[in-house]
């Protein structure tokens, strides 16, 4: 999935959470493909910003703003003059969110509201927010806050109806090797001589950082406001991942953790009634787009009645060999 016709030259992008795993991959893409595009990297960790500046020592197209999406005034100042906002800032580690739920709400829910308000107030033309499969039928605080974020971003189009601002989301599964994911955990445990698995039945959707950036680029090109873009990605079992990374090591089953699911879902049967297959992606369309009278861009095929896009019933799977190839890429 590549957004080949994306014209970003001369544009300014504000990237919240810009020093995270996605932020690094997104900046790599912009630096390589769009040398005339300015990226404002907005995050609250000055050390990570300093380290990122060292990684890109001669790229005047990059700007670094220390700030927090919880602080609306600072976010508004950073957003002023931007054309596009890619909202990647989040508290995303499930145990940390379970233990600090008020903090998760401050960042993931109120932060999303601040993004919507600031984008409208500063005249940003487009917002694309990152979401997760854990927002679908959520069973933990992280998923619940990301569901709220999705609703705020999509319904933010109603608040923006008299402006040029349009807002949409992308929603995807586990990112290979991102901070806090199972891959870095397994790599650490390999050094200790054993791997831990919560449940042998567990399945997950699987996406690379490159594919995540592709999806955001696709949304920037195709969104007219109110969509949730969902990639067609493979599933894997956690057992197969363990076999791919360390086939010779013993595995200890430790039991499912609080707030954890056996399987993840990207599209529910209720959502499928207003979702289309657009070829490269699924697109969840807004049920009540009262902010526009214009016909939608989307051409695609309605999904079958009762369609559910779940990690355990997916048509595409990665076995140990395929997973090893992804990890080695």
Protein backbone atom coordinates (compact mmCIF):
# COMPACT_ATOMS: atom_id res chain seq x y z
CA UNK A 1 0.00 0.00 0.00
CA UNK A 2 1.78 3.12 -1.18
CA UNK A 3 0.41 6.65 -1.51
CA UNK A 4 2.38 7.37 -4.70
CA UNK A 5 0.62 10.60 -5.62
CA UNK A 6 0.96 12.31 -2.24
CA UNK A 7 2.08 15.89 -2.81
CA UNK A 8 3.57 17.15 0.44
CA UNK A 9 6.23 19.43 -0.98
CA UNK A 10 6.15 22.79 0.76
CA UNK A 11 3.71 21.54 3.39
CA UNK A 12 4.22 21.57 7.15
CA UNK A 13 3.29 18.51 9.22
CA UNK A 14 2.93 18.49 13.01
CA UNK A 15 3.73 15.03 14.33
CA UNK A 16 2.62 14.46 17.92
CA UNK A 17 4.44 11.69 19.75
CA UNK A 18 7.15 12.26 17.20
CA UNK A 19 9.98 10.58 19.11
CA UNK A 20 8.21 7.22 19.38
CA UNK A 21 8.66 4.16 17.16
CA UNK A 22 6.13 5.34 14.58
CA UNK A 23 7.54 8.87 14.73
CA UNK A 24 11.02 7.69 13.78
CA UNK A 25 9.66 5.61 10.88
CA UNK A 26 7.48 8.49 9.65
CA UNK A 27 10.34 11.00 9.79
CA UNK A 28 12.60 8.52 7.95
CA UNK A 29 10.02 8.40 5.14
CA UNK A 30 9.58 12.17 4.93
CA UNK A 31 13.33 12.84 4.94
CA UNK A 32 13.86 10.25 2.19
CA UNK A 33 10.90 11.07 -0.05
CA UNK A 34 9.85 14.66 0.68
CA UNK A 35 12.89 16.92 1.21
CA UNK A 36 10.82 20.11 0.90
CA UNK A 37 8.35 19.07 3.61
CA UNK A 38 8.74 20.48 7.12
CA UNK A 39 8.03 18.21 10.07
CA UNK A 40 7.45 19.61 13.55
CA UNK A 41 8.27 16.85 16.00
CA UNK A 42 6.14 17.39 19.10
CA UNK A 43 6.80 15.32 22.24
CA UNK A 44 7.34 15.75 25.95
CA UNK A 45 10.69 13.98 26.35
CA UNK A 46 13.60 16.36 25.77
CA UNK A 47 16.16 13.53 25.98
CA UNK A 48 14.49 11.58 23.16
CA UNK A 49 14.30 14.78 21.13
CA UNK A 50 18.01 15.40 21.66
CA UNK A 51 18.82 11.84 20.59
CA UNK A 52 16.59 12.22 17.52
CA UNK A 53 18.31 15.47 16.56
CA UNK A 54 21.65 13.65 16.66
CA UNK A 55 20.22 11.04 14.28
CA UNK A 56 19.29 13.78 11.77
CA UNK A 57 22.14 16.31 12.18
CA UNK A 58 21.79 18.10 8.83
CA UNK A 59 18.06 18.21 8.15
CA UNK A 60 16.75 21.77 8.48
CA UNK A 61 13.30 20.52 7.47
CA UNK A 62 12.89 19.09 10.98
CA UNK A 63 11.72 21.20 13.92
CA UNK A 64 11.59 20.02 17.54
CA UNK A 65 8.90 21.22 19.96
CA UNK A 66 8.91 20.09 23.59
CA UNK A 67 5.30 19.88 24.67
CA UNK A 68 2.48 17.64 25.81
CA UNK A 69 -0.88 17.06 24.13
CA UNK A 70 -2.40 17.55 27.58
CA UNK A 71 -1.41 21.23 27.31
CA UNK A 72 -3.78 22.76 24.80
CA UNK A 73 -2.11 26.18 24.67
CA UNK A 74 1.30 24.71 23.88
CA UNK A 75 -0.23 22.35 21.30
CA UNK A 76 -2.05 25.27 19.66
CA UNK A 77 1.17 27.27 19.46
CA UNK A 78 3.04 24.34 17.89
CA UNK A 79 0.20 23.72 15.41
CA UNK A 80 -0.06 27.29 14.16
CA UNK A 81 0.81 27.42 10.47
CA UNK A 82 0.78 23.62 10.01
CA UNK A 83 -1.10 22.06 7.11
CA UNK A 84 -1.41 18.48 8.40
CA UNK A 85 -1.40 16.90 11.85
CA UNK A 86 -0.41 13.27 12.37
CA UNK A 87 -1.47 12.45 15.92
CA UNK A 88 0.62 9.57 17.26
CA UNK A 89 1.04 10.64 20.90
CA UNK A 90 -0.40 8.13 23.35
CA UNK A 91 0.03 6.18 26.54
CA UNK A 92 -0.07 2.73 25.00
CA UNK A 93 1.39 0.13 27.35
CA UNK A 94 -1.52 -1.84 28.74
CA UNK A 95 -0.12 -2.50 32.26
CA UNK A 96 0.90 1.16 32.70
CA UNK A 97 -2.56 2.34 31.64
CA UNK A 98 -4.26 -0.17 33.95
CA UNK A 99 -2.20 1.07 36.90
CA UNK A 100 -2.47 4.76 35.96
CA UNK A 101 -5.93 5.14 34.42
CA UNK A 102 -6.31 8.86 35.13
CA UNK A 103 -3.05 9.50 33.31
CA UNK A 104 -4.19 7.42 30.33
CA UNK A 105 -7.38 9.49 30.11
CA UNK A 106 -5.43 12.74 30.29
CA UNK A 107 -3.19 11.79 27.37
CA UNK A 108 -5.37 9.61 25.15
CA UNK A 109 -8.79 11.24 25.62
CA UNK A 110 -8.22 14.87 26.60
CA UNK A 111 -5.17 14.96 24.36
CA UNK A 112 -7.35 13.95 21.40
CA UNK A 113 -9.86 16.69 22.25
CA UNK A 114 -7.02 19.21 22.34
CA UNK A 115 -5.84 18.04 18.91
CA UNK A 116 -9.34 18.55 17.48
CA UNK A 117 -9.80 21.98 19.08
CA UNK A 118 -6.32 23.22 18.16
CA UNK A 119 -6.62 22.00 14.57
CA UNK A 120 -9.90 23.84 14.07
CA UNK A 121 -8.66 27.00 15.81
CA UNK A 122 -5.42 27.17 13.79
CA UNK A 123 -6.93 26.24 10.42
CA UNK A 124 -5.14 22.92 9.90
CA UNK A 125 -6.54 21.28 6.78
CA UNK A 126 -6.19 17.64 7.82
CA UNK A 127 -5.75 15.48 10.92
CA UNK A 128 -4.92 11.77 10.84
CA UNK A 129 -4.93 10.06 14.26
CA UNK A 130 -3.45 6.65 15.03
CA UNK A 131 -5.65 4.07 16.72
CA UNK A 132 -5.39 0.39 17.58
CA UNK A 133 -7.26 -2.90 17.40
CA UNK A 134 -7.53 -2.67 21.19
CA UNK A 135 -10.10 0.13 20.70
CA UNK A 136 -12.53 -2.46 19.32
CA UNK A 137 -14.65 -4.10 22.02
CA UNK A 138 -12.15 -2.81 24.61
CA UNK A 139 -11.40 -4.80 27.75
CA UNK A 140 -8.69 -2.52 29.17
CA UNK A 141 -8.20 1.16 29.92
CA UNK A 142 -5.87 1.63 26.98
CA UNK A 143 -8.45 0.27 24.54
CA UNK A 144 -11.27 2.25 26.15
CA UNK A 145 -9.33 5.51 25.89
CA UNK A 146 -8.41 4.83 22.26
CA UNK A 147 -12.07 4.12 21.49
CA UNK A 148 -12.88 7.53 22.97
CA UNK A 149 -10.10 9.04 20.88
CA UNK A 150 -11.59 7.57 17.71
CA UNK A 151 -15.03 8.96 18.54
CA UNK A 152 -13.60 12.40 19.33
CA UNK A 153 -11.59 12.54 16.11
CA UNK A 154 -14.40 11.32 13.85
CA UNK A 155 -17.14 13.42 15.46
CA UNK A 156 -14.72 16.34 15.54
CA UNK A 157 -15.71 16.80 11.89
CA UNK A 158 -19.07 18.11 13.14
CA UNK A 159 -17.29 20.82 15.15
CA UNK A 160 -15.14 21.58 12.09
CA UNK A 161 -18.06 21.72 9.65
CA UNK A 162 -17.70 25.47 8.98
CA UNK A 163 -13.93 25.26 8.63
CA UNK A 164 -11.56 23.56 6.20
CA UNK A 165 -10.37 21.05 8.81
CA UNK A 166 -11.14 17.38 8.19
CA UNK A 167 -10.26 14.55 10.56
CA UNK A 168 -9.86 10.79 10.18
CA UNK A 169 -8.22 7.79 11.87
CA UNK A 170 -6.12 4.79 11.00
CA UNK A 171 -6.56 1.62 13.05
CA UNK A 172 -4.09 -1.27 13.01
CA UNK A 173 -2.68 -4.15 15.06
CA UNK A 174 0.58 -4.99 16.82
CA UNK A 175 3.61 -3.25 15.34
CA UNK A 176 6.67 -5.42 14.80
CA UNK A 177 9.40 -4.40 17.24
CA UNK A 178 7.76 -1.24 18.60
CA UNK A 179 8.66 -0.19 22.13
CA UNK A 180 6.66 -2.12 24.72
CA UNK A 181 5.67 -4.88 22.30
CA UNK A 182 6.32 -8.60 22.66
CA UNK A 183 9.32 -8.70 20.28
CA UNK A 184 11.65 -6.59 22.49
CA UNK A 185 10.43 -8.61 25.49
CA UNK A 186 11.29 -11.91 23.79
CA UNK A 187 14.71 -10.58 22.74
CA UNK A 188 15.43 -9.68 26.35
CA UNK A 189 14.20 -13.08 27.57
CA UNK A 190 16.35 -14.91 25.00
CA UNK A 191 19.36 -13.63 26.92
CA UNK A 192 17.86 -15.10 30.09
CA UNK A 193 17.35 -18.53 28.52
CA UNK A 194 13.53 -18.79 28.49
CA UNK A 195 10.43 -17.25 26.96
CA UNK A 196 7.12 -16.54 28.71
CA UNK A 197 3.75 -16.79 26.97
CA UNK A 198 0.50 -15.82 28.62
CA UNK A 199 -1.71 -18.27 26.67
CA UNK A 200 -0.91 -20.74 23.88
CA UNK A 201 -4.14 -19.89 22.03
CA UNK A 202 -3.34 -16.18 21.69
CA UNK A 203 -3.39 -14.59 18.22
CA UNK A 204 -2.55 -11.09 17.08
CA UNK A 205 -2.63 -8.95 13.94
CA UNK A 206 0.85 -8.13 12.68
CA UNK A 207 2.04 -4.96 10.91
CA UNK A 208 5.46 -3.46 10.23
CA UNK A 209 6.33 0.17 10.88
CA UNK A 210 6.77 0.65 7.13
CA UNK A 211 3.21 -0.56 6.55
CA UNK A 212 1.93 1.72 9.33
CA UNK A 213 3.53 4.73 7.62
CA UNK A 214 2.08 3.58 4.27
CA UNK A 215 -1.36 3.52 5.86
CA UNK A 216 -1.04 7.05 7.24
CA UNK A 217 0.13 8.29 3.83
CA UNK A 218 -2.86 6.56 2.25
CA UNK A 219 -5.20 8.29 4.71
CA UNK A 220 -3.61 11.68 4.02
CA UNK A 221 -4.23 11.22 0.29
CA UNK A 222 -7.73 9.73 0.40
CA UNK A 223 -9.53 11.03 3.46
CA UNK A 224 -12.33 13.56 3.12
CA UNK A 225 -13.15 13.42 6.83
CA UNK A 226 -14.76 10.87 9.13
CA UNK A 227 -13.20 7.63 7.90
CA UNK A 228 -11.31 4.95 9.81
CA UNK A 229 -8.77 3.28 7.53
CA UNK A 230 -7.88 -0.33 8.36
CA UNK A 231 -5.09 -2.26 6.61
CA UNK A 232 -5.38 -5.81 5.34
CA UNK A 233 -2.69 -7.47 7.44
CA UNK A 234 -1.83 -11.04 8.49
CA UNK A 235 -2.34 -12.74 11.83
CA UNK A 236 0.13 -14.79 13.83
CA UNK A 237 0.09 -16.89 16.96
CA UNK A 238 2.30 -15.95 19.88
CA UNK A 239 3.53 -19.56 19.94
CA UNK A 240 4.71 -19.26 16.32
CA UNK A 241 6.45 -15.99 17.16
CA UNK A 242 8.32 -17.73 19.98
CA UNK A 243 9.32 -20.54 17.58
CA UNK A 244 10.52 -17.99 15.04
CA UNK A 245 12.67 -16.08 17.52
CA UNK A 246 14.07 -18.89 19.68
CA UNK A 247 13.00 -22.38 18.58
CA UNK A 248 15.44 -24.06 20.95
CA UNK A 249 14.34 -22.30 24.14
CA UNK A 250 11.76 -23.61 26.62
CA UNK A 251 8.49 -21.72 26.91
CA UNK A 252 6.71 -21.03 30.20
CA UNK A 253 2.95 -20.41 30.21
CA UNK A 254 2.26 -17.70 32.81
CA UNK A 255 -1.47 -17.03 32.32
CA UNK A 256 -3.33 -14.19 30.70
CA UNK A 257 -2.68 -10.75 32.22
CA UNK A 258 -5.28 -8.22 33.38
CA UNK A 259 -6.74 -6.32 30.43
CA UNK A 260 -5.45 -8.80 27.84
CA UNK A 261 -7.50 -10.57 25.14
CA UNK A 262 -6.97 -13.95 23.55
CA UNK A 263 -7.73 -12.48 20.12
CA UNK A 264 -8.01 -8.97 18.69
CA UNK A 265 -10.66 -7.49 16.38
CA UNK A 266 -10.21 -4.73 13.79
CA UNK A 267 -13.80 -4.58 12.50
CA UNK A 268 -16.90 -5.67 14.43
CA UNK A 269 -20.07 -7.03 12.83
CA UNK A 270 -21.84 -3.78 13.78
CA UNK A 271 -19.17 -1.67 12.06
CA UNK A 272 -19.16 -3.89 9.00
CA UNK A 273 -22.62 -2.57 8.05
CA UNK A 274 -21.04 0.78 7.20
CA UNK A 275 -17.61 -0.45 6.08
CA UNK A 276 -16.39 -1.02 2.53
CA UNK A 277 -13.60 -3.03 0.99
CA UNK A 278 -11.64 -0.40 -0.94
CA UNK A 279 -9.10 -2.83 -2.36
CA UNK A 280 -5.94 -2.01 -0.43
CA UNK A 281 -7.77 -1.23 2.80
CA UNK A 282 -11.07 -1.50 4.60
CA UNK A 283 -12.72 1.85 5.26
CA UNK A 284 -15.19 2.34 8.12
CA UNK A 285 -17.45 5.16 6.94
CA UNK A 286 -19.16 7.53 9.38
CA UNK A 287 -22.74 6.50 10.02
CA UNK A 288 -24.04 10.08 10.22
CA UNK A 289 -21.73 12.49 8.33
CA UNK A 290 -23.94 15.51 8.97
CA UNK A 291 -20.97 17.84 8.48
CA UNK A 292 -21.12 17.46 4.68
CA UNK A 293 -23.62 17.25 1.83
CA UNK A 294 -20.99 16.23 -0.71
CA UNK A 295 -20.82 12.71 -2.16
CA UNK A 296 -18.02 10.63 -0.70
CA UNK A 297 -14.84 9.72 -2.58
CA UNK A 298 -15.10 6.11 -1.59
CA UNK A 299 -15.71 3.47 -4.19
CA UNK A 300 -15.61 -0.07 -2.94
CA UNK A 301 -17.57 -3.16 -2.09
CA UNK A 302 -19.87 -3.36 0.93
CA UNK A 303 -18.86 -6.08 3.34
CA UNK A 304 -20.91 -9.23 3.73
CA UNK A 305 -23.59 -9.30 6.40
CA UNK A 306 -22.04 -10.18 9.76
CA UNK A 307 -18.44 -9.78 8.58
CA UNK A 308 -15.94 -9.66 11.46
CA UNK A 309 -12.24 -8.94 10.96
CA UNK A 310 -10.61 -10.81 13.84
CA UNK A 311 -7.10 -12.12 14.38
CA UNK A 312 -8.24 -15.70 14.96
CA UNK A 313 -10.48 -15.91 11.85
CA UNK A 314 -8.23 -14.00 9.46
CA UNK A 315 -7.60 -15.40 5.96
CA UNK A 316 -3.89 -14.55 6.00
CA UNK A 317 -1.38 -15.99 8.48
CA UNK A 318 2.33 -15.81 9.17
CA UNK A 319 4.01 -19.02 10.31
CA UNK A 320 7.40 -19.24 12.03
CA UNK A 321 9.39 -18.98 8.78
CA UNK A 322 7.45 -15.97 7.51
CA UNK A 323 7.74 -14.29 10.92
CA UNK A 324 11.48 -14.89 10.91
CA UNK A 325 11.69 -13.20 7.52
CA UNK A 326 9.79 -10.14 8.79
CA UNK A 327 11.95 -9.91 11.92
CA UNK A 328 15.17 -10.17 9.87
CA UNK A 329 14.07 -7.55 7.30
